[in-house]
Amino acid sequence: EGEAAHHLGRVLRAQAGQVYELSDGAHVR
């Protein structure tokens, strides 16, 4: 949510089905 989501959706134009790496500071999925 928030600024990170806005950047991903509006600037990087993420679309359903695309795969990303996400991290919570301890794990990566």
mmCIF file of all heavy atoms, coordinates in Angstrom:
data_MODEL
# 
_entry.id   MODEL 
# 
loop_
_atom_site.group_PDB 
_atom_site.id 
_atom_site.type_symbol 
_atom_site.label_atom_id 
_atom_site.label_alt_id 
_atom_site.label_comp_id 
_atom_site.label_asym_id 
_atom_site.label_entity_id 
_atom_site.label_seq_id 
_atom_site.pdbx_PDB_ins_code 
_atom_site.Cartn_x 
_atom_site.Cartn_y 
_atom_site.Cartn_z 
_atom_site.occupancy 
_atom_site.B_iso_or_equiv 
_atom_site.pdbx_formal_charge 
_atom_site.auth_seq_id 
_atom_site.auth_comp_id 
_atom_site.auth_asym_id 
_atom_site.auth_atom_id 
_atom_site.pdbx_PDB_model_num 
ATOM 1   N N   . GLU A 1 1  ? 0.828  -1.196  0.000   1.00 0.00 ? 1  GLU A N   1 
ATOM 2   C CA  . GLU A 1 1  ? 0.000  0.000   0.000   1.00 0.00 ? 1  GLU A CA  1 
ATOM 3   C C   . GLU A 1 1  ? 0.868  1.255   0.000   1.00 0.00 ? 1  GLU A C   1 
ATOM 4   O O   . GLU A 1 1  ? 2.072  1.191   0.207   1.00 0.00 ? 1  GLU A O   1 
ATOM 5   C CB  . GLU A 1 1  ? -0.923 0.003   1.220   1.00 0.00 ? 1  GLU A CB  1 
ATOM 6   C CG  . GLU A 1 1  ? -1.924 -1.146  1.229   1.00 0.00 ? 1  GLU A CG  1 
ATOM 7   C CD  . GLU A 1 1  ? -2.815 -1.119  2.452   1.00 0.00 ? 1  GLU A CD  1 
ATOM 8   O OE1 . GLU A 1 1  ? -2.350 -0.604  3.506   1.00 0.00 ? 1  GLU A OE1 1 
ATOM 9   O OE2 . GLU A 1 1  ? -3.965 -1.604  2.379   1.00 0.00 ? 1  GLU A OE2 1 
ATOM 10  N N   . GLY A 1 2  ? 0.221  2.382   -0.229  1.00 0.00 ? 2  GLY A N   1 
ATOM 11  C CA  . GLY A 1 2  ? 0.889  3.672   -0.123  1.00 0.00 ? 2  GLY A CA  1 
ATOM 12  C C   . GLY A 1 2  ? 1.792  3.999   -1.298  1.00 0.00 ? 2  GLY A C   1 
ATOM 13  O O   . GLY A 1 2  ? 1.540  3.591   -2.435  1.00 0.00 ? 2  GLY A O   1 
ATOM 14  N N   . GLU A 1 3  ? 2.873  4.731   -0.984  1.00 0.00 ? 3  GLU A N   1 
ATOM 15  C CA  . GLU A 1 3  ? 3.765  5.235   -2.028  1.00 0.00 ? 3  GLU A CA  1 
ATOM 16  C C   . GLU A 1 3  ? 4.415  4.119   -2.828  1.00 0.00 ? 3  GLU A C   1 
ATOM 17  O O   . GLU A 1 3  ? 4.546  4.212   -4.050  1.00 0.00 ? 3  GLU A O   1 
ATOM 18  C CB  . GLU A 1 3  ? 4.847  6.120   -1.394  1.00 0.00 ? 3  GLU A CB  1 
ATOM 19  C CG  . GLU A 1 3  ? 5.768  6.779   -2.410  1.00 0.00 ? 3  GLU A CG  1 
ATOM 20  C CD  . GLU A 1 3  ? 6.800  7.678   -1.762  1.00 0.00 ? 3  GLU A CD  1 
ATOM 21  O OE1 . GLU A 1 3  ? 6.649  7.992   -0.558  1.00 0.00 ? 3  GLU A OE1 1 
ATOM 22  O OE2 . GLU A 1 3  ? 7.764  8.068   -2.453  1.00 0.00 ? 3  GLU A OE2 1 
ATOM 23  N N   . ALA A 1 4  ? 4.814  3.045   -2.148  1.00 0.00 ? 4  ALA A N   1 
ATOM 24  C CA  . ALA A 1 4  ? 5.457  1.928   -2.852  1.00 0.00 ? 4  ALA A CA  1 
ATOM 25  C C   . ALA A 1 4  ? 4.499  1.302   -3.850  1.00 0.00 ? 4  ALA A C   1 
ATOM 26  O O   . ALA A 1 4  ? 4.877  0.967   -4.988  1.00 0.00 ? 4  ALA A O   1 
ATOM 27  C CB  . ALA A 1 4  ? 5.945  0.891   -1.854  1.00 0.00 ? 4  ALA A CB  1 
ATOM 28  N N   . ALA A 1 5  ? 3.231  1.137   -3.446  1.00 0.00 ? 5  ALA A N   1 
ATOM 29  C CA  . ALA A 1 5  ? 2.238  0.564   -4.351  1.00 0.00 ? 5  ALA A CA  1 
ATOM 30  C C   . ALA A 1 5  ? 1.957  1.507   -5.518  1.00 0.00 ? 5  ALA A C   1 
ATOM 31  O O   . ALA A 1 5  ? 1.794  1.073   -6.667  1.00 0.00 ? 5  ALA A O   1 
ATOM 32  C CB  . ALA A 1 5  ? 0.955  0.264   -3.587  1.00 0.00 ? 5  ALA A CB  1 
ATOM 33  N N   . HIS A 1 6  ? 1.893  2.794   -5.218  1.00 0.00 ? 6  HIS A N   1 
ATOM 34  C CA  . HIS A 1 6  ? 1.661  3.780   -6.281  1.00 0.00 ? 6  HIS A CA  1 
ATOM 35  C C   . HIS A 1 6  ? 2.789  3.734   -7.311  1.00 0.00 ? 6  HIS A C   1 
ATOM 36  O O   . HIS A 1 6  ? 2.555  3.771   -8.516  1.00 0.00 ? 6  HIS A O   1 
ATOM 37  C CB  . HIS A 1 6  ? 1.546  5.180   -5.677  1.00 0.00 ? 6  HIS A CB  1 
ATOM 38  C CG  . HIS A 1 6  ? 1.312  6.248   -6.688  1.00 0.00 ? 6  HIS A CG  1 
ATOM 39  N ND1 . HIS A 1 6  ? 0.068  6.542   -7.200  1.00 0.00 ? 6  HIS A ND1 1 
ATOM 40  C CD2 . HIS A 1 6  ? 2.178  7.099   -7.327  1.00 0.00 ? 6  HIS A CD2 1 
ATOM 41  C CE1 . HIS A 1 6  ? 0.168  7.529   -8.101  1.00 0.00 ? 6  HIS A CE1 1 
ATOM 42  N NE2 . HIS A 1 6  ? 1.444  7.874   -8.175  1.00 0.00 ? 6  HIS A NE2 1 
ATOM 43  N N   . HIS A 1 7  ? 4.023  3.655   -6.815  1.00 0.00 ? 7  HIS A N   1 
ATOM 44  C CA  . HIS A 1 7  ? 5.175  3.610   -7.725  1.00 0.00 ? 7  HIS A CA  1 
ATOM 45  C C   . HIS A 1 7  ? 5.137  2.341   -8.571  1.00 0.00 ? 7  HIS A C   1 
ATOM 46  O O   . HIS A 1 7  ? 5.365  2.398   -9.787  1.00 0.00 ? 7  HIS A O   1 
ATOM 47  C CB  . HIS A 1 7  ? 6.470  3.657   -6.908  1.00 0.00 ? 7  HIS A CB  1 
ATOM 48  C CG  . HIS A 1 7  ? 7.710  3.609   -7.736  1.00 0.00 ? 7  HIS A CG  1 
ATOM 49  N ND1 . HIS A 1 7  ? 8.192  4.712   -8.411  1.00 0.00 ? 7  HIS A ND1 1 
ATOM 50  C CD2 . HIS A 1 7  ? 8.572  2.586   -8.009  1.00 0.00 ? 7  HIS A CD2 1 
ATOM 51  C CE1 . HIS A 1 7  ? 9.297  4.377   -9.066  1.00 0.00 ? 7  HIS A CE1 1 
ATOM 52  N NE2 . HIS A 1 7  ? 9.542  3.093   -8.837  1.00 0.00 ? 7  HIS A NE2 1 
ATOM 53  N N   . LEU A 1 8  ? 4.834  1.226   -7.933  1.00 0.00 ? 8  LEU A N   1 
ATOM 54  C CA  . LEU A 1 8  ? 4.793  -0.030  -8.666  1.00 0.00 ? 8  LEU A CA  1 
ATOM 55  C C   . LEU A 1 8  ? 3.683  -0.041  -9.708  1.00 0.00 ? 8  LEU A C   1 
ATOM 56  O O   . LEU A 1 8  ? 3.878  -0.461  -10.850 1.00 0.00 ? 8  LEU A O   1 
ATOM 57  C CB  . LEU A 1 8  ? 4.602  -1.192  -7.683  1.00 0.00 ? 8  LEU A CB  1 
ATOM 58  C CG  . LEU A 1 8  ? 4.606  -2.597  -8.272  1.00 0.00 ? 8  LEU A CG  1 
ATOM 59  C CD1 . LEU A 1 8  ? 5.942  -2.902  -8.936  1.00 0.00 ? 8  LEU A CD1 1 
ATOM 60  C CD2 . LEU A 1 8  ? 4.325  -3.632  -7.189  1.00 0.00 ? 8  LEU A CD2 1 
ATOM 61  N N   . GLY A 1 9  ? 2.511  0.458   -9.314  1.00 0.00 ? 9  GLY A N   1 
ATOM 62  C CA  . GLY A 1 9  ? 1.374  0.403   -10.224 1.00 0.00 ? 9  GLY A CA  1 
ATOM 63  C C   . GLY A 1 9  ? 1.374  1.475   -11.287 1.00 0.00 ? 9  GLY A C   1 
ATOM 64  O O   . GLY A 1 9  ? 1.030  1.205   -12.450 1.00 0.00 ? 9  GLY A O   1 
ATOM 65  N N   . ARG A 1 10 ? 1.761  2.710   -10.916 1.00 0.00 ? 10 ARG A N   1 
ATOM 66  C CA  . ARG A 1 10 ? 1.639  3.831   -11.855 1.00 0.00 ? 10 ARG A CA  1 
ATOM 67  C C   . ARG A 1 10 ? 2.918  4.144   -12.614 1.00 0.00 ? 10 ARG A C   1 
ATOM 68  O O   . ARG A 1 10 ? 2.873  4.562   -13.763 1.00 0.00 ? 10 ARG A O   1 
ATOM 69  C CB  . ARG A 1 10 ? 1.177  5.086   -11.087 1.00 0.00 ? 10 ARG A CB  1 
ATOM 70  C CG  . ARG A 1 10 ? -0.158 4.912   -10.402 1.00 0.00 ? 10 ARG A CG  1 
ATOM 71  C CD  . ARG A 1 10 ? -1.249 4.491   -11.360 1.00 0.00 ? 10 ARG A CD  1 
ATOM 72  N NE  . ARG A 1 10 ? -2.486 4.148   -10.652 1.00 0.00 ? 10 ARG A NE  1 
ATOM 73  C CZ  . ARG A 1 10 ? -3.551 3.632   -11.233 1.00 0.00 ? 10 ARG A CZ  1 
ATOM 74  N NH1 . ARG A 1 10 ? -3.524 3.358   -12.528 1.00 0.00 ? 10 ARG A NH1 1 
ATOM 75  N NH2 . ARG A 1 10 ? -4.613 3.343   -10.519 1.00 0.00 ? 10 ARG A NH2 1 
ATOM 76  N N   . VAL A 1 11 ? 4.048  3.974   -11.952 1.00 0.00 ? 11 VAL A N   1 
ATOM 77  C CA  . VAL A 1 11 ? 5.322  4.289   -12.612 1.00 0.00 ? 11 VAL A CA  1 
ATOM 78  C C   . VAL A 1 11 ? 5.865  3.061   -13.345 1.00 0.00 ? 11 VAL A C   1 
ATOM 79  O O   . VAL A 1 11 ? 6.227  3.132   -14.518 1.00 0.00 ? 11 VAL A O   1 
ATOM 80  C CB  . VAL A 1 11 ? 6.351  4.809   -11.585 1.00 0.00 ? 11 VAL A CB  1 
ATOM 81  C CG1 . VAL A 1 11 ? 7.683  5.105   -12.279 1.00 0.00 ? 11 VAL A CG1 1 
ATOM 82  C CG2 . VAL A 1 11 ? 5.819  6.056   -10.885 1.00 0.00 ? 11 VAL A CG2 1 
ATOM 83  N N   . LEU A 1 12 ? 5.916  1.935   -12.640 1.00 0.00 ? 12 LEU A N   1 
ATOM 84  C CA  . LEU A 1 12 ? 6.433  0.714   -13.258 1.00 0.00 ? 12 LEU A CA  1 
ATOM 85  C C   . LEU A 1 12 ? 5.360  -0.052  -14.036 1.00 0.00 ? 12 LEU A C   1 
ATOM 86  O O   . LEU A 1 12 ? 5.672  -1.011  -14.734 1.00 0.00 ? 12 LEU A O   1 
ATOM 87  C CB  . LEU A 1 12 ? 7.035  -0.203  -12.183 1.00 0.00 ? 12 LEU A CB  1 
ATOM 88  C CG  . LEU A 1 12 ? 8.203  0.392   -11.395 1.00 0.00 ? 12 LEU A CG  1 
ATOM 89  C CD1 . LEU A 1 12 ? 8.721  -0.606  -10.386 1.00 0.00 ? 12 LEU A CD1 1 
ATOM 90  C CD2 . LEU A 1 12 ? 9.325  0.845   -12.323 1.00 0.00 ? 12 LEU A CD2 1 
ATOM 91  N N   . ARG A 1 13 ? 4.098  0.371   -13.878 1.00 0.00 ? 13 ARG A N   1 
ATOM 92  C CA  . ARG A 1 13 ? 2.969  -0.200  -14.626 1.00 0.00 ? 13 ARG A CA  1 
ATOM 93  C C   . ARG A 1 13 ? 2.855  -1.717  -14.438 1.00 0.00 ? 13 ARG A C   1 
ATOM 94  O O   . ARG A 1 13 ? 2.772  -2.489  -15.402 1.00 0.00 ? 13 ARG A O   1 
ATOM 95  C CB  . ARG A 1 13 ? 3.072  0.147   -16.121 1.00 0.00 ? 13 ARG A CB  1 
ATOM 96  C CG  . ARG A 1 13 ? 3.075  1.649   -16.373 1.00 0.00 ? 13 ARG A CG  1 
ATOM 97  C CD  . ARG A 1 13 ? 3.051  1.969   -17.868 1.00 0.00 ? 13 ARG A CD  1 
ATOM 98  N NE  . ARG A 1 13 ? 3.086  3.404   -18.102 1.00 0.00 ? 13 ARG A NE  1 
ATOM 99  C CZ  . ARG A 1 13 ? 2.032  4.210   -18.037 1.00 0.00 ? 13 ARG A CZ  1 
ATOM 100 N NH1 . ARG A 1 13 ? 0.853  3.704   -17.737 1.00 0.00 ? 13 ARG A NH1 1 
ATOM 101 N NH2 . ARG A 1 13 ? 2.154  5.505   -18.278 1.00 0.00 ? 13 ARG A NH2 1 
ATOM 102 N N   . ALA A 1 14 ? 2.880  -2.122  -13.180 1.00 0.00 ? 14 ALA A N   1 
ATOM 103 C CA  . ALA A 1 14 ? 2.709  -3.545  -12.870 1.00 0.00 ? 14 ALA A CA  1 
ATOM 104 C C   . ALA A 1 14 ? 1.344  -4.028  -13.341 1.00 0.00 ? 14 ALA A C   1 
ATOM 105 O O   . ALA A 1 14 ? 0.348  -3.280  -13.301 1.00 0.00 ? 14 ALA A O   1 
ATOM 106 C CB  . ALA A 1 14 ? 2.850  -3.766  -11.371 1.00 0.00 ? 14 ALA A CB  1 
ATOM 107 N N   . GLN A 1 15 ? 1.302  -5.261  -13.778 1.00 0.00 ? 15 GLN A N   1 
ATOM 108 C CA  . GLN A 1 15 ? 0.060  -5.854  -14.263 1.00 0.00 ? 15 GLN A CA  1 
ATOM 109 C C   . GLN A 1 15 ? -0.154 -7.212  -13.614 1.00 0.00 ? 15 GLN A C   1 
ATOM 110 O O   . GLN A 1 15 ? 0.799  -7.885  -13.197 1.00 0.00 ? 15 GLN A O   1 
ATOM 111 C CB  . GLN A 1 15 ? 0.107  -6.017  -15.790 1.00 0.00 ? 15 GLN A CB  1 
ATOM 112 C CG  . GLN A 1 15 ? 0.229  -4.695  -16.546 1.00 0.00 ? 15 GLN A CG  1 
ATOM 113 C CD  . GLN A 1 15 ? 0.291  -4.897  -18.047 1.00 0.00 ? 15 GLN A CD  1 
ATOM 114 O OE1 . GLN A 1 15 ? 0.177  -6.023  -18.528 1.00 0.00 ? 15 GLN A OE1 1 
ATOM 115 N NE2 . GLN A 1 15 ? 0.451  -3.811  -18.781 1.00 0.00 ? 15 GLN A NE2 1 
ATOM 116 N N   . ALA A 1 16 ? -1.413 -7.610  -13.540 1.00 0.00 ? 16 ALA A N   1 
ATOM 117 C CA  . ALA A 1 16 ? -1.743 -8.916  -12.971 1.00 0.00 ? 16 ALA A CA  1 
ATOM 118 C C   . ALA A 1 16 ? -1.004 -10.012 -13.727 1.00 0.00 ? 16 ALA A C   1 
ATOM 119 O O   . ALA A 1 16 ? -0.891 -9.984  -14.950 1.00 0.00 ? 16 ALA A O   1 
ATOM 120 C CB  . ALA A 1 16 ? -3.254 -9.144  -13.042 1.00 0.00 ? 16 ALA A CB  1 
ATOM 121 N N   . GLY A 1 17 ? -0.463 -10.950 -12.950 1.00 0.00 ? 17 GLY A N   1 
ATOM 122 C CA  . GLY A 1 17 ? 0.277  -12.062 -13.530 1.00 0.00 ? 17 GLY A CA  1 
ATOM 123 C C   . GLY A 1 17 ? 1.774  -11.894 -13.488 1.00 0.00 ? 17 GLY A C   1 
ATOM 124 O O   . GLY A 1 17 ? 2.512  -12.888 -13.585 1.00 0.00 ? 17 GLY A O   1 
ATOM 125 N N   . GLN A 1 18 ? 2.257  -10.647 -13.346 1.00 0.00 ? 18 GLN A N   1 
ATOM 126 C CA  . GLN A 1 18 ? 3.705  -10.435 -13.254 1.00 0.00 ? 18 GLN A CA  1 
ATOM 127 C C   . GLN A 1 18 ? 4.232  -10.936 -11.911 1.00 0.00 ? 18 GLN A C   1 
ATOM 128 O O   . GLN A 1 18 ? 3.526  -10.914 -10.903 1.00 0.00 ? 18 GLN A O   1 
ATOM 129 C CB  . GLN A 1 18 ? 4.043  -8.953  -13.433 1.00 0.00 ? 18 GLN A CB  1 
ATOM 130 C CG  . GLN A 1 18 ? 3.789  -8.429  -14.835 1.00 0.00 ? 18 GLN A CG  1 
ATOM 131 C CD  . GLN A 1 18 ? 4.131  -6.952  -14.957 1.00 0.00 ? 18 GLN A CD  1 
ATOM 132 O OE1 . GLN A 1 18 ? 4.015  -6.199  -14.005 1.00 0.00 ? 18 GLN A OE1 1 
ATOM 133 N NE2 . GLN A 1 18 ? 4.549  -6.555  -16.148 1.00 0.00 ? 18 GLN A NE2 1 
ATOM 134 N N   . VAL A 1 19 ? 5.496  -11.361 -11.917 1.00 0.00 ? 19 VAL A N   1 
ATOM 135 C CA  . VAL A 1 19 ? 6.105  -11.926 -10.706 1.00 0.00 ? 19 VAL A CA  1 
ATOM 136 C C   . VAL A 1 19 ? 7.212  -11.002 -10.213 1.00 0.00 ? 19 VAL A C   1 
ATOM 137 O O   . VAL A 1 19 ? 8.046  -10.541 -11.003 1.00 0.00 ? 19 VAL A O   1 
ATOM 138 C CB  . VAL A 1 19 ? 6.667  -13.335 -10.983 1.00 0.00 ? 19 VAL A CB  1 
ATOM 139 C CG1 . VAL A 1 19 ? 7.395  -13.877 -9.761  1.00 0.00 ? 19 VAL A CG1 1 
ATOM 140 C CG2 . VAL A 1 19 ? 5.530  -14.281 -11.384 1.00 0.00 ? 19 VAL A CG2 1 
ATOM 141 N N   . TYR A 1 20 ? 7.207  -10.732 -8.904  1.00 0.00 ? 20 TYR A N   1 
ATOM 142 C CA  . TYR A 1 20 ? 8.205  -9.877  -8.276  1.00 0.00 ? 20 TYR A CA  1 
ATOM 143 C C   . TYR A 1 20 ? 8.805  -10.606 -7.074  1.00 0.00 ? 20 TYR A C   1 
ATOM 144 O O   . TYR A 1 20 ? 8.233  -11.575 -6.571  1.00 0.00 ? 20 TYR A O   1 
ATOM 145 C CB  . TYR A 1 20 ? 7.576  -8.561  -7.796  1.00 0.00 ? 20 TYR A CB  1 
ATOM 146 C CG  . TYR A 1 20 ? 7.203  -7.616  -8.905  1.00 0.00 ? 20 TYR A CG  1 
ATOM 147 C CD1 . TYR A 1 20 ? 5.971  -7.748  -9.555  1.00 0.00 ? 20 TYR A CD1 1 
ATOM 148 C CD2 . TYR A 1 20 ? 8.061  -6.601  -9.303  1.00 0.00 ? 20 TYR A CD2 1 
ATOM 149 C CE1 . TYR A 1 20 ? 5.617  -6.876  -10.576 1.00 0.00 ? 20 TYR A CE1 1 
ATOM 150 C CE2 . TYR A 1 20 ? 7.713  -5.726  -10.316 1.00 0.00 ? 20 TYR A CE2 1 
ATOM 151 C CZ  . TYR A 1 20 ? 6.496  -5.867  -10.953 1.00 0.00 ? 20 TYR A CZ  1 
ATOM 152 O OH  . TYR A 1 20 ? 6.153  -5.009  -11.970 1.00 0.00 ? 20 TYR A OH  1 
ATOM 153 N N   . GLU A 1 21 ? 9.956  -10.109 -6.628  1.00 0.00 ? 21 GLU A N   1 
ATOM 154 C CA  . GLU A 1 21 ? 10.534 -10.559 -5.368  1.00 0.00 ? 21 GLU A CA  1 
ATOM 155 C C   . GLU A 1 21 ? 10.128 -9.575  -4.277  1.00 0.00 ? 21 GLU A C   1 
ATOM 156 O O   . GLU A 1 21 ? 10.316 -8.371  -4.427  1.00 0.00 ? 21 GLU A O   1 
ATOM 157 C CB  . GLU A 1 21 ? 12.061 -10.630 -5.455  1.00 0.00 ? 21 GLU A CB  1 
ATOM 158 C CG  . GLU A 1 21 ? 12.574 -11.707 -6.390  1.00 0.00 ? 21 GLU A CG  1 
ATOM 159 C CD  . GLU A 1 21 ? 14.090 -11.756 -6.426  1.00 0.00 ? 21 GLU A CD  1 
ATOM 160 O OE1 . GLU A 1 21 ? 14.728 -11.065 -5.593  1.00 0.00 ? 21 GLU A OE1 1 
ATOM 161 O OE2 . GLU A 1 21 ? 14.643 -12.472 -7.270  1.00 0.00 ? 21 GLU A OE2 1 
ATOM 162 N N   . LEU A 1 22 ? 9.587  -10.082 -3.179  1.00 0.00 ? 22 LEU A N   1 
ATOM 163 C CA  . LEU A 1 22 ? 9.184  -9.248  -2.054  1.00 0.00 ? 22 LEU A CA  1 
ATOM 164 C C   . LEU A 1 22 ? 9.988  -9.633  -0.817  1.00 0.00 ? 22 LEU A C   1 
ATOM 165 O O   . LEU A 1 22 ? 10.274 -10.810 -0.593  1.00 0.00 ? 22 LEU A O   1 
ATOM 166 C CB  . LEU A 1 22 ? 7.695  -9.425  -1.750  1.00 0.00 ? 22 LEU A CB  1 
ATOM 167 C CG  . LEU A 1 22 ? 6.698  -9.071  -2.856  1.00 0.00 ? 22 LEU A CG  1 
ATOM 168 C CD1 . LEU A 1 22 ? 5.268  -9.239  -2.332  1.00 0.00 ? 22 LEU A CD1 1 
ATOM 169 C CD2 . LEU A 1 22 ? 6.914  -7.662  -3.367  1.00 0.00 ? 22 LEU A CD2 1 
ATOM 170 N N   . SER A 1 23 ? 10.340 -8.624  -0.018  1.00 0.00 ? 23 SER A N   1 
ATOM 171 C CA  . SER A 1 23 ? 11.098 -8.878  1.200   1.00 0.00 ? 23 SER A CA  1 
ATOM 172 C C   . SER A 1 23 ? 10.478 -8.118  2.357   1.00 0.00 ? 23 SER A C   1 
ATOM 173 O O   . SER A 1 23 ? 10.013 -6.984  2.205   1.00 0.00 ? 23 SER A O   1 
ATOM 174 C CB  . SER A 1 23 ? 12.549 -8.438  1.031   1.00 0.00 ? 23 SER A CB  1 
ATOM 175 O OG  . SER A 1 23 ? 13.234 -8.499  2.273   1.00 0.00 ? 23 SER A OG  1 
ATOM 176 N N   . ASP A 1 24 ? 10.476 -8.742  3.538   1.00 0.00 ? 24 ASP A N   1 
ATOM 177 C CA  . ASP A 1 24 ? 10.020 -8.087  4.765   1.00 0.00 ? 24 ASP A CA  1 
ATOM 178 C C   . ASP A 1 24 ? 11.189 -7.691  5.655   1.00 0.00 ? 24 ASP A C   1 
ATOM 179 O O   . ASP A 1 24 ? 11.018 -7.330  6.815   1.00 0.00 ? 24 ASP A O   1 
ATOM 180 C CB  . ASP A 1 24 ? 9.056  -8.987  5.528   1.00 0.00 ? 24 ASP A CB  1 
ATOM 181 C CG  . ASP A 1 24 ? 9.688  -10.304 5.964   1.00 0.00 ? 24 ASP A CG  1 
ATOM 182 O OD1 . ASP A 1 24 ? 10.889 -10.507 5.689   1.00 0.00 ? 24 ASP A OD1 1 
ATOM 183 O OD2 . ASP A 1 24 ? 8.988  -11.117 6.581   1.00 0.00 ? 24 ASP A OD2 1 
ATOM 184 N N   . GLY A 1 25 ? 12.396 -7.759  5.119   1.00 0.00 ? 25 GLY A N   1 
ATOM 185 C CA  . GLY A 1 25 ? 13.585 -7.431  5.893   1.00 0.00 ? 25 GLY A CA  1 
ATOM 186 C C   . GLY A 1 25 ? 14.270 -8.641  6.484   1.00 0.00 ? 25 GLY A C   1 
ATOM 187 O O   . GLY A 1 25 ? 15.377 -8.540  7.001   1.00 0.00 ? 25 GLY A O   1 
ATOM 188 N N   . ALA A 1 26 ? 13.614 -9.800  6.411   1.00 0.00 ? 26 ALA A N   1 
ATOM 189 C CA  . ALA A 1 26 ? 14.212 -11.027 6.917   1.00 0.00 ? 26 ALA A CA  1 
ATOM 190 C C   . ALA A 1 26 ? 14.093 -12.175 5.924   1.00 0.00 ? 26 ALA A C   1 
ATOM 191 O O   . ALA A 1 26 ? 14.955 -13.042 5.867   1.00 0.00 ? 26 ALA A O   1 
ATOM 192 C CB  . ALA A 1 26 ? 13.554 -11.421 8.240   1.00 0.00 ? 26 ALA A CB  1 
ATOM 193 N N   . HIS A 1 27 ? 13.027 -12.176 5.138   1.00 0.00 ? 27 HIS A N   1 
ATOM 194 C CA  . HIS A 1 27 ? 12.770 -13.253 4.186   1.00 0.00 ? 27 HIS A CA  1 
ATOM 195 C C   . HIS A 1 27 ? 12.494 -12.665 2.806   1.00 0.00 ? 27 HIS A C   1 
ATOM 196 O O   . HIS A 1 27 ? 12.095 -11.500 2.678   1.00 0.00 ? 27 HIS A O   1 
ATOM 197 C CB  . HIS A 1 27 ? 11.574 -14.104 4.625   1.00 0.00 ? 27 HIS A CB  1 
ATOM 198 C CG  . HIS A 1 27 ? 11.709 -14.673 6.000   1.00 0.00 ? 27 HIS A CG  1 
ATOM 199 N ND1 . HIS A 1 27 ? 11.276 -14.006 7.125   1.00 0.00 ? 27 HIS A ND1 1 
ATOM 200 C CD2 . HIS A 1 27 ? 12.255 -15.830 6.433   1.00 0.00 ? 27 HIS A CD2 1 
ATOM 201 C CE1 . HIS A 1 27 ? 11.538 -14.727 8.192   1.00 0.00 ? 27 HIS A CE1 1 
ATOM 202 N NE2 . HIS A 1 27 ? 12.139 -15.843 7.802   1.00 0.00 ? 27 HIS A NE2 1 
ATOM 203 N N   . VAL A 1 28 ? 12.695 -13.483 1.786   1.00 0.00 ? 28 VAL A N   1 
ATOM 204 C CA  . VAL A 1 28 ? 12.410 -13.079 0.406   1.00 0.00 ? 28 VAL A CA  1 
ATOM 205 C C   . VAL A 1 28 ? 11.510 -14.137 -0.219  1.00 0.00 ? 28 VAL A C   1 
ATOM 206 O O   . VAL A 1 28 ? 11.773 -15.340 -0.088  1.00 0.00 ? 28 VAL A O   1 
ATOM 207 C CB  . VAL A 1 28 ? 13.710 -12.950 -0.429  1.00 0.00 ? 28 VAL A CB  1 
ATOM 208 C CG1 . VAL A 1 28 ? 13.385 -12.515 -1.859  1.00 0.00 ? 28 VAL A CG1 1 
ATOM 209 C CG2 . VAL A 1 28 ? 14.663 -11.951 0.213   1.00 0.00 ? 28 VAL A CG2 1 
ATOM 210 N N   . ARG A 1 29 ? 10.455 -13.679 -0.880  1.00 0.00 ? 29 ARG A N   1 
ATOM 211 C CA  . ARG A 1 29 ? 9.556  -14.600 -1.575  1.00 0.00 ? 29 ARG A CA  1 
ATOM 212 C C   . ARG A 1 29 ? 9.263  -14.092 -2.974  1.00 0.00 ? 29 ARG A C   1 
ATOM 213 O O   . ARG A 1 29 ? 9.219  -12.886 -3.217  1.00 0.00 ? 29 ARG A O   1 
ATOM 214 C CB  . ARG A 1 29 ? 8.221  -14.730 -0.834  1.00 0.00 ? 29 ARG A CB  1 
ATOM 215 C CG  . ARG A 1 29 ? 8.244  -15.611 0.395   1.00 0.00 ? 29 ARG A CG  1 
ATOM 216 C CD  . ARG A 1 29 ? 6.853  -15.735 0.978   1.00 0.00 ? 29 ARG A CD  1 
ATOM 217 N NE  . ARG A 1 29 ? 6.809  -16.627 2.116   1.00 0.00 ? 29 ARG A NE  1 
ATOM 218 C CZ  . ARG A 1 29 ? 6.595  -17.938 2.036   1.00 0.00 ? 29 ARG A CZ  1 
ATOM 219 N NH1 . ARG A 1 29 ? 6.393  -18.481 0.838   1.00 0.00 ? 29 ARG A NH1 1 
ATOM 220 N NH2 . ARG A 1 29 ? 6.565  -18.692 3.113   1.00 0.00 ? 29 ARG A NH2 1 
# 
